[in-house]
Amino acid sequence: MNYKLAGLLLAGGQSARYAGNKLLSQHPIANTSLVTYSAYQLKNALSDDTASVQSHIEMLVVTGKWDKSVRDALSHLPVSVITNTNWQEGIAASIREGVSYLAAGKPLVDIEDKHSVALTHSEVVPSHILITLADLPKVSSYDMRELIEASKANPSHVVCSEWLNEGKTKLTVPAIFPADAFDDLMAISGDIGAKPVIMEYKKAGKLTSVPIPNAEFDIDTPQDWTSLY
């Protein structure tokens, strides 16, 4: 298998419990916005990976309700951004939007000059997509590199993050999905994310989980920052 990895950062939520766009809140350690922190972590993980699609084709961000402010926050980064106009449905709509865009082989952004590059369909279509969320303040590029290494070793598997909550094992994104899972991802609906696909692959014996304790923490309310740092 010619392993070609693309990154998908989901930033389309409405921040219903934050009274504003939580993705623009200040990350107290990185000293930048939460969405910028998340984008940098994914970008760095992909940049370190020689198997990234064409090495200079890296990642796609899907926005939603807060499209303009997220685009403004990421304007200095070499990333492609598309808008999920159906953001009210929930996270599944953003996954469908992003995966369908990547699977169609549409051009991403060239890191050197931020212009779309004219590559053939086979050069742009990824064999795997790493999906992560923009509101995970502790997930690092190192965490995602652990997932990438596990995916290379098990390319036919879904590779997901594993963490414990009150003694129960959780299997979540960040996660890497092979091309065989793309149709499944594009079939999900509602506000449930990629969990059905992860569980489907677990049942089929084609799931590899990697301990990523940082995946437990997300930001829903301003108080969440206080409890984390």
Protein backbone atom coordinates (compact mmCIF):
# COMPACT_ATOMS: atom_id res chain seq x y z
CA MET A 1 0.00 0.00 0.00
CA ASN A 2 1.20 3.48 -0.91
CA TYR A 3 0.53 5.17 2.43
CA LYS A 4 -0.67 8.75 1.91
CA LEU A 5 -1.90 10.55 4.98
CA ALA A 6 -4.04 13.69 5.12
CA GLY A 7 -5.24 15.54 8.21
CA LEU A 8 -8.79 16.70 8.90
CA LEU A 9 -9.36 19.25 11.67
CA LEU A 10 -12.99 19.69 12.68
CA ALA A 11 -13.77 23.25 13.75
CA GLY A 12 -17.43 23.51 12.85
CA GLY A 13 -19.15 23.37 16.23
CA GLN A 14 -21.41 26.11 17.53
CA SER A 15 -19.86 26.41 21.05
CA ALA A 16 -23.36 26.33 22.51
CA ARG A 17 -22.13 26.17 26.12
CA TYR A 18 -19.39 28.75 25.79
CA ALA A 19 -21.35 31.95 25.09
CA GLY A 20 -19.06 32.77 22.17
CA ASN A 21 -16.58 30.99 19.95
CA LYS A 22 -14.59 28.71 22.26
CA LEU A 23 -12.04 28.09 19.50
CA LEU A 24 -10.87 31.70 19.83
CA SER A 25 -10.30 31.35 23.58
CA GLN A 26 -6.69 31.76 24.67
CA HIS A 27 -4.70 28.60 25.25
CA PRO A 28 -2.85 29.40 28.50
CA ILE A 29 0.23 27.33 27.68
CA ALA A 30 0.57 27.91 23.94
CA ASN A 31 -0.38 31.59 24.32
CA THR A 32 -2.46 31.46 21.16
CA SER A 33 -6.06 30.67 20.26
CA LEU A 34 -7.31 27.13 20.84
CA VAL A 35 -7.98 26.56 17.14
CA THR A 36 -4.49 27.80 16.23
CA TYR A 37 -2.95 25.49 18.82
CA SER A 38 -4.89 22.52 17.43
CA ALA A 39 -4.00 23.38 13.84
CA TYR A 40 -0.31 23.67 14.70
CA GLN A 41 -0.30 20.30 16.46
CA LEU A 42 -1.87 18.53 13.48
CA LYS A 43 0.31 20.38 10.99
CA ASN A 44 3.47 19.49 12.90
CA ALA A 45 2.48 15.84 13.18
CA LEU A 46 1.94 15.65 9.44
CA SER A 47 5.05 17.67 8.63
CA ASP A 48 7.15 15.18 10.58
CA ASP A 49 5.65 12.32 8.61
CA THR A 50 7.41 11.53 5.36
CA ALA A 51 4.34 9.58 4.28
CA SER A 52 2.12 12.65 4.17
CA VAL A 53 0.39 13.21 0.87
CA GLN A 54 3.18 14.60 -1.34
CA SER A 55 4.82 15.71 1.94
CA HIS A 56 3.78 19.32 1.28
CA ILE A 57 0.05 18.63 1.07
CA GLU A 58 -1.05 18.50 4.64
CA MET A 59 -4.42 19.31 6.08
CA LEU A 60 -7.99 20.47 5.70
CA VAL A 61 -10.01 22.44 8.25
CA VAL A 62 -13.82 22.32 8.28
CA THR A 63 -15.55 25.34 9.81
CA GLY A 64 -19.21 25.97 10.57
CA LYS A 65 -21.14 28.62 12.48
CA TRP A 66 -17.99 30.61 13.30
CA ASP A 67 -16.57 30.37 9.80
CA LYS A 68 -15.18 33.89 9.42
CA SER A 69 -13.54 34.15 12.82
CA VAL A 70 -11.93 30.71 12.47
CA ARG A 71 -10.67 31.55 9.00
CA ASP A 72 -9.22 34.80 10.34
CA ALA A 73 -7.49 32.97 13.19
CA LEU A 74 -5.90 30.52 10.75
CA SER A 75 -5.12 33.00 7.97
CA HIS A 76 -1.39 32.91 8.74
CA LEU A 77 -1.22 29.13 8.44
CA PRO A 78 -0.79 27.13 5.21
CA VAL A 79 -4.02 25.16 5.53
CA SER A 80 -7.07 24.69 3.34
CA VAL A 81 -10.41 25.68 4.86
CA ILE A 82 -13.91 24.70 3.74
CA THR A 83 -17.27 25.54 5.30
CA ASN A 84 -19.87 23.09 6.52
CA THR A 85 -23.08 25.00 5.85
CA ASN A 86 -25.05 22.24 7.56
CA TRP A 87 -23.26 22.74 10.88
CA GLN A 88 -26.56 22.71 12.82
CA GLU A 89 -26.79 18.94 12.28
CA GLY A 90 -23.73 18.27 14.39
CA ILE A 91 -20.26 16.87 14.01
CA ALA A 92 -21.20 14.15 11.53
CA ALA A 93 -21.95 16.77 8.87
CA SER A 94 -18.45 18.22 9.24
CA ILE A 95 -16.92 14.75 8.96
CA ARG A 96 -18.90 14.05 5.79
CA GLU A 97 -17.92 17.42 4.32
CA GLY A 98 -14.22 16.94 5.03
CA VAL A 99 -13.91 13.29 4.04
CA SER A 100 -15.85 13.79 0.80
CA TYR A 101 -13.62 16.75 -0.10
CA LEU A 102 -10.43 14.80 0.53
CA ALA A 103 -11.70 11.60 -1.11
CA ALA A 104 -12.60 13.57 -4.24
CA GLY A 105 -8.94 14.48 -4.70
CA LYS A 106 -9.47 18.23 -4.60
CA PRO A 107 -6.29 20.31 -4.24
CA LEU A 108 -5.10 21.43 -0.86
CA VAL A 109 -2.70 24.26 -0.13
CA ASP A 110 0.97 24.32 -1.01
CA ILE A 111 2.95 25.06 2.13
CA GLU A 112 5.54 27.11 0.31
CA ASP A 113 3.33 29.68 -1.37
CA LYS A 114 -0.21 28.97 -0.13
CA HIS A 115 -1.50 28.46 -3.67
CA SER A 116 -3.50 25.46 -4.80
CA VAL A 117 -1.29 22.95 -6.53
CA ALA A 118 -2.18 21.10 -9.70
CA LEU A 119 -1.60 17.45 -8.91
CA THR A 120 -3.21 14.40 -10.44
CA HIS A 121 -6.13 12.76 -8.67
CA SER A 122 -3.99 9.82 -7.53
CA GLU A 123 -1.39 12.18 -6.09
CA VAL A 124 -3.89 14.04 -3.93
CA VAL A 125 -6.31 11.33 -2.77
CA PRO A 126 -5.15 10.04 0.62
CA SER A 127 -5.03 6.41 1.60
CA HIS A 128 -5.68 7.46 5.20
CA ILE A 129 -7.21 10.44 6.99
CA LEU A 130 -6.31 11.54 10.51
CA ILE A 131 -9.40 13.15 12.04
CA THR A 132 -9.10 15.32 15.13
CA LEU A 133 -11.05 18.06 16.89
CA ALA A 134 -10.12 21.70 17.29
CA ASP A 135 -11.22 21.85 20.93
CA LEU A 136 -8.71 19.38 22.41
CA PRO A 137 -6.29 21.58 24.39
CA LYS A 138 -3.87 18.85 25.46
CA VAL A 139 -3.54 16.68 22.37
CA SER A 140 -0.06 17.21 20.95
CA SER A 141 1.76 16.49 17.72
CA TYR A 142 3.58 13.74 19.61
CA ASP A 143 0.25 12.07 20.45
CA MET A 144 -0.76 12.13 16.79
CA ARG A 145 2.64 10.83 15.70
CA GLU A 146 1.99 7.81 17.94
CA LEU A 147 -1.25 7.22 16.02
CA ILE A 148 0.55 7.60 12.68
CA GLU A 149 3.18 5.04 13.59
CA ALA A 150 0.48 2.58 14.67
CA SER A 151 -1.43 3.20 11.44
CA LYS A 152 1.64 2.51 9.32
CA ALA A 153 2.09 -0.78 11.17
CA ASN A 154 -1.61 -1.68 10.74
CA PRO A 155 -2.67 0.12 7.54
CA SER A 156 -5.98 -1.75 7.14
CA HIS A 157 -7.09 -0.86 10.67
CA VAL A 158 -8.82 2.14 12.14
CA VAL A 159 -6.34 3.48 14.68
CA CYS A 160 -7.93 5.46 17.51
CA SER A 161 -7.11 7.09 20.82
CA GLU A 162 -7.74 5.12 24.00
CA TRP A 163 -8.24 6.68 27.43
CA LEU A 164 -9.93 5.87 30.72
CA ASN A 165 -12.86 7.65 32.31
CA GLU A 166 -14.02 6.38 35.69
CA GLY A 167 -12.48 3.01 34.96
CA LYS A 168 -14.14 2.67 31.55
CA THR A 169 -12.14 2.54 28.34
CA LYS A 170 -13.03 5.19 25.76
CA LEU A 171 -12.15 4.85 22.06
CA THR A 172 -12.23 8.21 20.31
CA VAL A 173 -10.60 10.63 17.93
CA PRO A 174 -7.95 11.66 17.21
CA ALA A 175 -8.13 8.62 14.98
CA ILE A 176 -6.82 7.51 11.60
CA PHE A 177 -9.16 5.91 9.08
CA PRO A 178 -8.10 3.90 6.01
CA ALA A 179 -9.74 4.45 2.62
CA ASP A 180 -12.02 1.45 3.15
CA ALA A 181 -13.69 3.42 5.96
CA PHE A 182 -14.31 6.59 3.96
CA ASP A 183 -17.77 5.52 2.76
CA ASP A 184 -18.71 4.60 6.32
CA LEU A 185 -17.62 8.02 7.53
CA MET A 186 -19.65 9.71 4.81
CA ALA A 187 -22.74 7.72 5.87
CA ILE A 188 -22.90 8.87 9.50
CA SER A 189 -25.37 11.52 10.61
CA GLY A 190 -26.28 13.59 13.65
CA ASP A 191 -24.05 14.73 16.50
CA ILE A 192 -22.29 11.45 17.21
CA GLY A 193 -18.96 11.85 15.44
CA ALA A 194 -16.94 8.89 14.18
CA LYS A 195 -17.79 6.54 17.08
CA PRO A 196 -20.04 4.23 14.99
CA VAL A 197 -17.22 3.61 12.52
CA ILE A 198 -14.69 3.01 15.29
CA MET A 199 -17.00 0.48 16.92
CA GLU A 200 -17.77 -1.20 13.61
CA TYR A 201 -14.07 -1.77 13.00
CA LYS A 202 -13.63 -2.99 16.57
CA LYS A 203 -16.34 -5.59 16.02
CA ALA A 204 -14.62 -6.67 12.81
CA GLY A 205 -11.29 -7.10 14.61
CA LYS A 206 -9.71 -4.28 12.61
CA LEU A 207 -9.21 -1.68 15.32
CA THR A 208 -5.92 -0.66 16.89
CA SER A 209 -6.10 1.61 19.92
CA VAL A 210 -3.23 3.72 21.24
CA PRO A 211 -3.17 5.09 24.79
CA ILE A 212 -3.63 8.87 24.38
CA PRO A 213 -4.67 10.21 27.82
CA ASN A 214 -4.68 13.77 26.47
CA ALA A 215 -7.65 12.92 24.24
CA GLU A 216 -9.90 12.93 27.31
CA PHE A 217 -9.85 16.69 27.71
CA ASP A 218 -11.96 19.06 25.64
CA ILE A 219 -13.23 22.58 26.11
CA ASP A 220 -16.99 23.09 26.37
CA THR A 221 -17.25 25.90 28.92
CA PRO A 222 -14.90 28.65 30.16
CA GLN A 223 -14.63 26.76 33.45
CA ASP A 224 -13.00 23.83 31.66
CA TRP A 225 -9.84 25.88 31.24
CA THR A 226 -9.61 26.39 35.00
CA SER A 227 -9.90 22.68 35.71
CA LEU A 228 -7.18 21.82 33.18
CA TYR A 229 -4.47 24.40 33.94
